[in-house]
């Protein structure tokens, strides 16, 4: 089985320090959180940026502060987000184009025209798209783009689950949903999974066993265990690495992840 790639996602646009005092908000804090996670085994950095007020932004200057610090201190694969704030979709592509990120999230929630434009932009600029699939419908949309050659194989799917707990939702429900999404993906695709709220740990174990990859961090969960707030994204990376060891699956280095995630140079 392939070695597992750990992606760290340090911050989102929903939570703030009032929700968890360790939530990184400034470019310096976000970069620091990523670097700590790198030293524990994370090899891909999934990045949202925030402005001086802590709100989500797509201004390149904020992304640049984060990316330059990470590139100075690590050799991580840089994956910038293009999802979130209500700004024209073309504006969300400016940072990935100017900073030449290795990867970028491909949001499948917009119109067909927007999705195709974003995918072609990434292809033309040598940026590997990460298909964020929240449900089966999004996977079907992405499969069409793969069939048409707009997204090259091997395609990269990111299977996104619940950010916050849904009362009464069992692990079995999430497990069945994950199996259905995996079966629906274009054959030969690479896949990763994130989130899962109160089922995250069990879904991590399932992902490891089934050959997927994992994204973790304060973007996806405030708590490292029930009732215990995480003190940084690095704690999730440590937990994932230990789980891999227990389940006899090796964790990929940056160099190994780049070879797996071709055509990343």
Foldseek 3Di string as FASTA:
>chain_A
DAFFAEEEEQADQPDDCVNPVQRDQALVSLLVLRVLLVVLFHAEYEDFHADPVSHTDQDLVRVCSNVVSNVVRHVGQYEYEQDDDPDPSVSSCVNCQVVVGQEYEQELPDDLVSSLVVLQVCVVSNHAYEYEDAALVSQVSVVVCPVVVSHDPLHEYEHEYDLADDPPDDLVVVVVRVVVNVVSHDPRHAYEYAADHQCGVVVLLVCLVVPHHYYWYPNRHQAPHVPHGDNGRSSVSNVSCVSCVVVVHHHDHNVSVCVVPPPRD
